[in-house]
Protein backbone atom coordinates (compact mmCIF):
# COMPACT_ATOMS: atom_id res chain seq x y z
CA MET A 1 197.54 77.79 101.19
CA SER A 2 194.90 76.98 103.84
CA PHE A 3 191.40 78.43 103.73
CA LEU A 4 191.02 81.93 105.20
CA ASP A 5 187.77 82.99 106.88
CA LEU A 6 188.14 86.62 107.98
CA ASP A 7 185.75 88.93 109.77
CA ILE A 8 185.90 92.58 108.69
CA ARG A 9 185.67 95.22 111.46
CA PRO A 10 185.68 98.75 109.96
CA GLY A 11 188.00 101.05 111.88
CA GLN A 12 189.25 98.19 114.06
CA GLY A 13 190.78 95.28 112.18
CA VAL A 14 190.47 92.11 110.13
CA GLY A 15 190.59 88.59 111.56
CA ILE A 16 193.41 88.29 114.10
CA PHE A 17 194.87 91.65 113.05
CA GLU A 18 193.98 94.73 115.14
CA LEU A 19 194.72 98.25 113.96
CA GLY A 20 197.29 99.83 116.27
CA ALA A 21 199.01 96.54 117.09
CA SER A 22 202.80 96.67 117.00
CA LEU A 23 204.89 95.11 114.25
CA TRP A 24 206.58 92.96 116.90
CA THR A 25 203.21 91.59 118.08
CA VAL A 26 201.89 90.90 114.58
CA LEU A 27 205.01 89.06 113.42
CA ASP A 28 204.86 86.99 116.60
CA LEU A 29 201.25 86.06 115.75
CA LEU A 30 202.30 85.05 112.25
CA ARG A 31 205.05 82.83 113.63
CA GLU A 32 202.46 80.99 115.69
CA ASP A 33 200.19 80.42 112.68
CA ARG A 34 202.58 79.38 109.92
CA THR A 35 200.08 76.91 108.48
CA ARG A 36 197.61 79.65 107.64
CA TYR A 37 200.24 82.28 106.74
CA PRO A 38 203.24 80.34 105.37
CA HIS A 39 204.69 83.14 103.19
CA VAL A 40 205.42 86.58 104.63
CA ASP A 41 207.43 89.25 102.78
CA VAL A 42 208.83 92.22 104.72
CA LYS A 43 209.25 95.33 102.57
CA PHE A 44 210.69 98.71 103.56
CA ASP A 45 212.72 101.63 102.28
CA THR A 46 216.33 100.41 102.52
CA THR A 47 217.69 103.97 102.29
CA GLN A 48 215.83 105.10 105.44
CA PRO A 49 215.05 102.00 107.51
CA ALA A 50 214.72 103.94 110.79
CA ILE A 51 211.75 106.02 109.57
CA SER A 52 210.39 103.83 106.79
CA PRO A 53 206.84 102.48 106.71
CA ILE A 54 206.94 98.68 106.76
CA LEU A 55 204.75 96.48 104.61
CA LEU A 56 204.03 92.85 105.43
CA HIS A 57 202.72 91.01 102.39
CA LEU A 58 200.99 87.78 103.40
CA ARG A 59 200.82 86.02 100.09
CA PRO A 60 198.57 86.11 98.21
CA HIS A 61 195.75 88.15 99.77
CA ILE A 62 196.75 90.41 102.67
CA ASP A 63 198.90 93.55 102.94
CA LEU A 64 199.63 95.02 106.38
CA LEU A 65 201.03 98.56 106.44
CA PHE A 66 202.81 99.75 109.60
CA SER A 67 203.48 103.38 110.55
CA PRO A 68 207.03 104.69 110.04
CA ARG A 69 207.98 105.73 113.58
CA ALA A 70 205.86 103.76 116.06
CA GLN A 71 205.74 100.62 113.85
CA ARG A 72 202.01 100.12 114.47
CA LEU A 73 199.44 98.57 112.15
CA HIS A 74 197.99 101.43 110.13
CA THR A 75 196.08 99.86 107.21
CA ILE A 76 194.94 96.36 106.25
CA SER A 77 194.35 95.69 102.56
CA ILE A 78 192.79 92.51 101.16
CA ARG A 79 192.96 91.80 97.45
CA ARG A 80 192.48 88.97 94.96
CA LEU A 81 189.16 88.18 96.57
CA ARG A 82 188.05 85.71 93.93
CA HIS A 83 191.00 84.43 91.93
CA LEU A 84 194.72 84.00 92.38
CA PRO A 85 197.08 85.53 89.81
CA ASN A 86 197.59 83.42 86.67
CA SER A 87 194.94 80.99 87.84
CA SER A 88 191.29 80.39 87.04
CA SER A 89 190.62 78.48 90.27
CA PRO A 90 188.74 80.35 93.03
CA ALA A 91 190.66 81.79 95.96
CA ASN A 92 190.31 80.08 99.35
CA LEU A 93 189.08 83.27 101.00
CA THR A 94 185.86 84.27 102.73
CA LEU A 95 185.16 87.75 104.10
CA ARG A 96 182.43 88.32 106.69
CA TYR A 97 180.89 91.40 108.24
CA SER A 98 178.71 91.70 111.32
CA PRO A 99 176.74 94.97 111.37
CA HIS A 100 176.47 94.80 115.18
CA GLY A 101 180.06 93.93 116.04
CA ARG A 102 182.30 90.91 115.92
CA SER A 103 180.50 87.60 115.73
CA GLU A 104 181.75 84.73 117.89
CA SER A 105 180.24 82.09 115.61
CA PRO A 106 179.69 83.45 112.10
CA VAL A 107 176.63 82.03 110.40
CA ASN A 108 177.33 80.66 106.96
CA ARG A 109 174.75 82.43 104.86
CA ALA A 110 173.79 81.10 101.44
CA ASP A 111 172.24 84.26 100.08
CA SER A 112 173.99 87.25 98.56
CA PRO A 113 175.44 90.10 100.63
CA GLY A 114 172.83 92.24 102.28
CA GLY A 115 170.13 89.74 103.16
CA GLY A 116 169.12 88.05 106.39
CA GLY A 117 168.77 88.85 110.06
CA SER A 118 170.48 91.73 111.77
CA HIS A 119 172.36 89.62 114.36
CA GLU A 120 174.03 87.25 111.91
CA SER A 121 177.35 87.82 110.20
CA LEU A 122 177.04 88.44 106.48
CA ILE A 123 179.27 86.85 103.87
CA LEU A 124 180.70 89.67 101.80
CA SER A 125 182.84 87.55 99.52
CA SER A 126 183.59 83.83 99.16
CA PRO A 127 184.46 81.32 96.43
CA THR A 128 180.73 81.18 95.63
CA THR A 129 179.74 84.76 96.49
CA VAL A 130 180.75 87.75 94.39
CA LEU A 131 180.97 91.12 96.16
CA ARG A 132 179.60 93.81 93.89
CA LYS A 133 178.97 97.53 94.22
CA SER A 134 175.24 96.97 94.68
CA GLY A 135 175.93 94.57 97.56
CA VAL A 136 178.23 97.07 99.29
CA ASN A 137 175.57 99.82 98.99
CA LYS A 138 172.92 97.50 100.38
CA ILE A 139 175.00 96.67 103.48
CA PHE A 140 176.77 99.96 104.23
CA GLY A 141 174.33 102.48 102.79
CA PRO A 142 175.00 105.66 100.80
CA THR A 143 178.39 107.29 100.36
CA TYR A 144 180.02 109.97 98.25
CA GLN A 145 180.40 109.43 94.51
CA GLY A 146 183.83 108.36 93.31
CA ASP A 147 185.97 105.60 91.87
CA THR A 148 185.87 103.82 95.22
CA LEU A 149 183.20 103.29 97.85
CA SER A 150 184.50 104.93 101.03
CA PHE A 151 182.94 104.58 104.47
CA PRO A 152 184.28 105.39 107.94
CA GLY A 153 187.07 102.87 108.59
CA ILE A 154 186.70 100.91 105.33
CA TRP A 155 186.73 101.38 101.58
CA PHE A 156 186.16 99.19 98.53
CA SER A 157 188.04 99.39 95.22
CA PHE A 158 187.11 97.95 91.84
CA ASP A 159 190.70 97.89 90.62
CA GLU A 160 193.00 95.03 91.64
CA ASP A 161 196.10 97.16 92.14
CA GLY A 162 195.20 100.80 91.58
CA GLY A 163 193.55 103.09 94.04
CA SER A 164 195.48 101.65 96.95
CA PRO A 165 196.29 103.63 100.10
CA LEU A 166 199.45 101.61 100.53
CA PRO A 167 202.60 103.46 99.34
CA TYR A 168 204.27 100.47 97.71
CA SER A 169 206.47 102.32 95.28
CA HIS A 170 209.51 102.77 97.54
CA LEU A 171 209.05 99.75 99.82
CA HIS A 172 210.88 96.58 98.90
CA HIS A 173 212.91 93.75 100.27
CA PRO A 174 216.68 94.36 99.99
CA SER A 175 217.02 91.34 97.70
CA SER A 176 214.07 92.13 95.42
CA PRO A 177 213.23 94.99 93.04
CA PRO A 178 210.77 97.70 94.09
CA LEU A 179 207.09 97.09 93.45
CA GLY A 180 205.17 99.13 90.94
CA ALA A 181 204.21 102.68 91.87
CA MET A 182 200.77 103.18 93.34
CA SER A 183 198.72 106.03 94.71
CA THR A 184 199.14 106.93 98.39
CA THR A 185 195.50 107.89 98.90
CA PRO A 186 192.19 106.41 97.79
CA PRO A 187 191.06 108.12 94.60
CA SER A 188 188.19 110.54 94.97
CA GLY A 189 187.38 111.21 91.37
CA LYS A 190 183.93 112.15 90.16
CA GLY A 191 183.58 109.16 87.89
CA SER A 192 180.91 106.55 88.51
CA VAL A 193 181.21 102.76 88.61
CA ASP A 194 178.60 100.35 87.28
CA ARG A 195 176.40 99.01 90.08
CA ASN A 196 177.30 95.44 89.10
CA ALA A 197 181.05 96.10 89.15
CA GLU A 198 182.99 93.49 91.13
CA VAL A 199 184.95 94.61 94.20
CA LYS A 200 188.61 93.66 93.80
CA ARG A 201 190.09 95.13 96.98
CA VAL A 202 188.95 95.93 100.51
CA ALA A 203 190.95 98.16 102.87
CA VAL A 204 190.39 98.75 106.60
CA CYS A 205 191.87 101.77 108.38
CA GLN A 206 191.09 103.92 111.39
CA ARG A 207 188.09 106.22 111.44
CA VAL A 208 189.62 109.68 111.03
CA LYS A 209 188.06 113.10 110.61
CA ASP A 210 190.93 114.53 108.60
CA ALA A 211 192.19 113.35 105.22
CA TYR A 212 193.61 109.84 105.09
CA ASP A 213 197.41 109.83 105.44
CA ALA A 214 199.03 106.53 104.48
CA LEU A 215 202.36 107.67 105.92
CA GLY A 216 200.96 109.05 109.17
CA GLU A 217 201.00 107.60 112.66
CA VAL A 218 198.21 105.57 114.23
CA LEU A 219 195.85 107.29 116.64
CA GLU A 220 195.81 105.97 120.20
CA CYS A 221 193.37 103.05 120.39
CA PRO A 222 192.46 100.13 122.71
CA SER A 223 194.99 97.74 121.15
CA MET A 224 197.79 99.99 122.53
CA GLU A 225 196.54 99.88 126.12
CA GLY A 226 199.39 99.24 128.56
CA GLU A 227 202.15 99.42 125.92
CA VAL A 228 205.05 101.86 125.95
CA ARG A 229 204.33 105.21 124.31
CA THR A 230 207.55 107.11 125.05
CA VAL A 231 210.81 106.38 126.86
CA ILE A 232 212.63 109.46 128.15
CA ALA A 233 216.33 108.71 128.70
CA GLU A 234 219.03 110.79 130.36
CA PRO A 235 222.70 109.75 130.36
CA ARG A 236 224.12 108.67 133.76
CA LYS A 237 220.70 108.92 135.38
CA GLY A 238 218.15 106.56 133.88
CA VAL A 239 214.92 106.34 131.95
CA ALA A 240 211.23 107.09 132.42
CA LEU A 241 208.72 104.87 130.61
CA TYR A 242 205.32 106.35 129.76
CA PHE A 243 202.52 104.01 128.74
CA HIS A 244 199.46 104.24 126.53
CA SER A 245 196.30 104.55 128.56
CA ILE A 246 192.80 105.20 127.28
CA SER A 247 191.40 105.96 130.74
CA GLN A 248 194.24 107.67 132.65
CA ASP A 249 195.49 111.20 132.01
CA PRO A 250 198.34 111.79 132.69
CA PRO A 251 199.42 108.31 131.55
CA PRO A 252 201.06 105.86 133.98
CA SER A 253 204.86 105.90 134.15
CA VAL A 254 207.78 103.87 135.51
CA HIS A 255 211.19 105.30 136.42
CA ILE A 256 214.41 103.28 136.30
CA ARG A 257 217.44 104.92 137.93
CA ILE A 258 220.96 103.65 137.30
CA GLY A 259 222.61 102.65 140.57
CA HIS A 260 219.35 102.85 142.54
CA THR A 261 216.59 100.72 141.00
CA THR A 262 216.78 97.05 142.07
CA SER A 263 215.69 93.83 140.43
CA GLU A 264 212.72 93.70 142.82
CA ASP A 265 211.70 97.21 141.77
CA LEU A 266 211.73 96.16 138.11
CA ILE A 267 209.58 93.10 138.71
CA CYS A 268 207.17 95.15 140.80
CA ASP A 269 206.85 97.93 138.20
CA LEU A 270 207.26 96.10 134.87
CA GLY A 271 206.53 92.48 135.72
CA SER A 272 208.85 89.54 135.27
CA PRO A 273 211.21 89.80 132.28
CA LEU A 274 210.60 87.49 129.34
CA ARG A 275 214.12 86.17 129.82
CA VAL A 276 216.94 86.39 132.36
CA PHE A 277 220.38 86.16 130.74
CA TYR A 278 223.54 85.84 132.77
CA LYS A 279 226.39 87.87 131.32
CA GLU A 280 229.14 85.61 129.99
CA ASP A 281 230.68 87.83 127.31
CA ASP A 282 233.62 89.73 128.84
CA ARG A 283 235.38 90.68 125.62
CA MET A 284 235.06 94.40 126.39
CA THR A 285 237.06 94.13 129.62
CA ILE A 286 240.30 94.17 127.61
CA HIS A 287 239.51 97.82 126.74
CA SER A 288 238.73 98.88 130.31
CA GLY A 289 242.35 99.56 131.28
CA LYS A 290 241.67 98.25 134.78
CA GLY A 291 243.18 94.80 134.40
CA LEU A 292 241.44 91.66 135.53
CA GLN A 293 238.52 92.18 137.88
CA GLU A 294 236.65 89.91 140.22
CA PRO A 295 233.61 88.37 138.50
CA ASP A 296 230.39 90.16 139.40
CA GLU A 297 228.04 87.55 137.87
CA ALA A 298 225.98 90.35 136.35
CA TYR A 299 222.78 89.42 134.57
CA PHE A 300 220.31 90.94 132.11
CA TYR A 301 216.58 91.32 132.42
CA ASN A 302 215.36 91.09 128.82
CA TYR A 303 212.11 93.00 128.36
CA PHE A 304 211.64 92.24 124.67
CA GLN A 305 208.07 93.59 124.79
CA TYR A 306 209.39 97.02 125.80
CA GLY A 307 212.43 96.97 123.48
CA MET A 308 214.73 97.13 126.47
CA ASP A 309 217.48 95.22 128.32
CA VAL A 310 218.54 96.03 131.86
CA LEU A 311 221.92 94.91 133.22
CA LEU A 312 221.93 94.29 136.96
CA SER A 313 224.82 93.77 139.36
CA GLY A 314 225.19 90.21 140.63
CA THR A 315 226.05 91.46 144.12
CA SER A 316 223.91 94.54 144.79
CA HIS A 317 221.19 93.60 142.26
CA LYS A 318 220.94 97.25 141.25
CA VAL A 319 220.72 98.59 137.69
CA ARG A 320 224.12 99.12 136.04
CA LYS A 321 223.17 99.69 132.40
CA ILE A 322 220.04 100.13 130.28
CA ILE A 323 219.89 99.24 126.56
CA LEU A 324 217.11 100.61 124.31
CA HIS A 325 216.55 98.96 120.93
CA SER A 326 215.27 100.68 117.76
CA ASN A 327 214.19 97.46 115.92
CA LEU A 328 215.37 98.59 112.49
CA PRO A 329 214.27 96.36 109.59
CA GLY A 330 217.24 94.72 107.90
CA SER A 331 219.37 94.79 111.05
CA PHE A 332 220.77 91.74 112.82
CA LEU A 333 218.42 92.00 115.83
CA PHE A 334 215.30 92.93 113.86
CA GLN A 335 212.16 91.54 115.52
CA ARG A 336 214.08 90.29 118.55
CA TYR A 337 212.77 93.37 120.38
CA LYS A 338 209.73 95.58 119.99
CA ARG A 339 210.68 99.09 118.88
CA CYS A 340 211.51 101.27 121.89
CA PRO A 341 210.31 104.87 121.24
CA TRP A 342 213.28 106.49 122.97
CA GLU A 343 214.09 110.14 123.45
CA ILE A 344 217.41 111.30 124.92
CA HIS A 345 217.15 114.48 126.99
CA VAL A 346 220.40 116.28 127.69
CA ASN A 347 221.44 119.42 129.60
CA GLY A 348 218.93 119.67 132.38
CA SER A 349 216.16 117.12 131.90
CA ASP A 350 215.70 114.91 134.96
CA PRO A 351 213.70 111.64 134.95
CA ASP A 352 213.27 111.97 138.74
CA ARG A 353 211.01 114.98 138.20
CA GLY A 354 208.48 112.83 136.42
CA MET A 355 205.64 114.69 134.72
CA SER A 356 206.98 118.11 135.74
CA TYR A 357 209.37 118.10 132.80
CA PHE A 358 207.41 115.78 130.52
CA PRO A 359 206.27 117.77 127.44
CA GLN A 360 202.81 119.26 127.79
CA ARG A 361 201.75 117.73 124.50
CA CYS A 362 202.35 114.26 125.97
CA ARG A 363 199.88 114.82 128.79
CA LYS A 364 196.89 115.45 126.59
CA LYS A 365 194.74 112.91 124.81
CA GLN A 366 195.10 114.73 121.51
CA TRP A 367 198.83 113.93 121.52
CA GLN A 368 199.28 111.25 118.87
CA ASN A 369 202.96 110.53 118.33
CA ASN A 370 203.52 114.13 117.27
CA TYR A 371 207.24 114.19 116.63
CA VAL A 372 208.17 117.84 116.88
CA SER A 373 211.69 119.17 117.05
CA ALA A 374 213.01 120.47 120.36
CA PRO A 375 216.41 121.66 121.52
CA ASN A 376 218.59 119.22 123.48
CA ILE A 377 216.39 116.26 122.62
CA ALA A 378 217.45 113.39 120.34
CA ARG A 379 214.71 111.05 119.16
CA LEU A 380 214.34 107.67 117.56
CA GLY A 381 214.73 108.14 113.80
CA SER A 382 217.45 110.79 114.11
CA ARG A 383 220.79 109.89 112.59
CA ILE A 384 224.09 110.04 114.40
CA ASP A 385 225.19 113.24 112.65
CA THR A 386 222.24 114.96 114.37
CA VAL A 387 222.43 113.17 117.73
CA GLY A 388 226.22 113.21 118.10
CA PRO A 389 226.65 117.00 118.50
CA LEU A 390 224.05 117.01 121.30
CA LEU A 391 226.00 114.43 123.29
CA GLN A 392 229.57 115.56 122.64
CA THR A 393 231.23 117.42 125.49
CA SER A 394 233.71 119.00 123.10
CA SER A 395 232.96 120.14 119.57
CA HIS A 396 236.61 119.58 118.58
CA GLN A 397 236.82 115.94 119.61
CA GLU A 398 235.47 112.99 117.66
CA PRO A 399 233.74 110.35 119.82
CA PRO A 400 235.71 107.10 120.23
CA SER A 401 234.39 104.29 118.04
CA MET A 402 234.78 100.55 117.58
CA VAL A 403 233.65 98.15 114.85
CA LEU A 404 231.21 95.41 115.86
CA ASP A 405 230.56 92.32 113.75
CA ARG A 406 227.36 90.74 115.10
CA ALA A 407 227.46 88.03 112.45
CA ALA A 408 230.67 86.67 113.99
CA ASP A 409 228.68 85.19 116.88
CA VAL A 410 226.30 83.37 114.52
CA PRO A 411 228.33 82.04 111.54
CA ASN A 412 225.27 80.41 109.97
CA GLY A 413 222.89 83.26 110.79
CA PRO A 414 220.86 85.43 108.39
CA THR A 415 222.52 87.07 105.41
CA LEU A 416 222.32 90.85 105.74
CA PRO A 417 223.51 93.70 103.49
CA SER A 418 226.10 94.56 106.16
CA GLY A 419 226.74 92.79 109.45
CA LEU A 420 229.20 95.45 110.59
CA THR A 421 228.15 98.30 112.87
CA LYS A 422 229.98 100.95 114.88
CA LEU A 423 229.94 101.56 118.61
CA LEU A 424 230.26 105.28 119.38
CA GLY A 425 230.98 106.40 122.93
CA PHE A 426 229.76 109.59 124.61
CA ASP A 427 229.47 110.71 128.21
CA GLY A 428 227.19 108.13 129.80
CA VAL A 429 226.02 106.75 126.44
CA VAL A 430 227.18 104.17 123.88
CA MET A 431 225.34 103.98 120.55
CA GLU A 432 225.38 101.21 117.98
CA VAL A 433 225.21 102.82 114.54
CA THR A 434 224.82 101.47 111.00
CA ASP A 435 226.89 102.56 108.01
CA LEU A 436 223.95 104.82 107.04
CA GLY A 437 224.14 106.57 110.40
CA ASP A 438 220.94 105.05 111.82
CA ILE A 439 221.00 104.29 115.55
CA LEU A 440 220.32 100.63 116.28
CA SER A 441 220.52 100.82 120.06
CA VAL A 442 221.27 103.21 122.90
CA MET A 443 223.12 102.01 126.01
CA LEU A 444 222.97 104.19 129.13
CA PHE A 445 225.38 103.74 132.02
């Protein structure tokens, strides 16, 4: 493994990792830096992949915990600061801290943590520098007594594995056994630790006033600026995208109307798509019952960064269909798209009315991914047995369904627990559903 030199930013991030960044963005960063991070394990709850926290373990030092619904970086944990497991050789890891913000050119200090000028970055831990409780107190000042040293946005543990805020116990890769059970909150016992005790783990999280919640959502922060916060969808009409904005209230929005919005409108409002894909797969036309049709040369705008595909007519260049992707771990298209935080509004909601119908809680800054139940609204994370009754026009009729084998298109593709999914049809909506009932994607037409 290559040498890691990481700057610690309490409440903000570590190295290239920013709290609040999406899972899609972080995995893309890791792909671009495979030399430094060659081994990445993705762990999640296989019984509830749609609402499971996701843990990225960057062997051997870094754990990245992502929130269950928005899939945003919640907590960064760094362990094995000095030695690798089953090895006496020092770890190739250096941790730095700048008391006055991120340092562009960290100064390699030779003295122990806590000394030196105020504008230089301090080495907290390195192969030749041991981080101890006394050094933490000297840099960060006083804190409450306990088994850990907790400060706003950062805490230090003297146990290699215990006292972790990361809920490992139920997160695992489908092909590996679960990890050992650990606490979901930093311990706050009244015991004391020797001032020369060595720090074994450092965790960075957001600065919060309330109690730390390892399974909670991430508060709105600068790393989310300009990214999608909520997508309101209505069958046969379209979608409204609402974006994170630190400065604007109400937040900016974009409306896409089926049969009205054009390709030029999309580029003007959302920018150029990351890919344009011309539709060549006509296997579904055999089920249309309309016989052979003249080719329309339809094409997709793939907005992977919004978790969305838009199908446009090749003649009128207007929107025909919209596909919203849930980015479920363990699914065939996992990480192809960023998670789209969709909500389906039925029986009266109208995207054309914009903020007039948008929930009041979404207009205020204190709204932080507060997923509350509401009638006639189906949200990401709901299973088909909950969503289906909202969309069915008749309670006595089962929705038509088909079996889809995505692995058939890629014979040598990834091995998944099940490559088969179901397509369920409703009025103006088709949903791709797993055997657990989780909704992989929503297609509006």
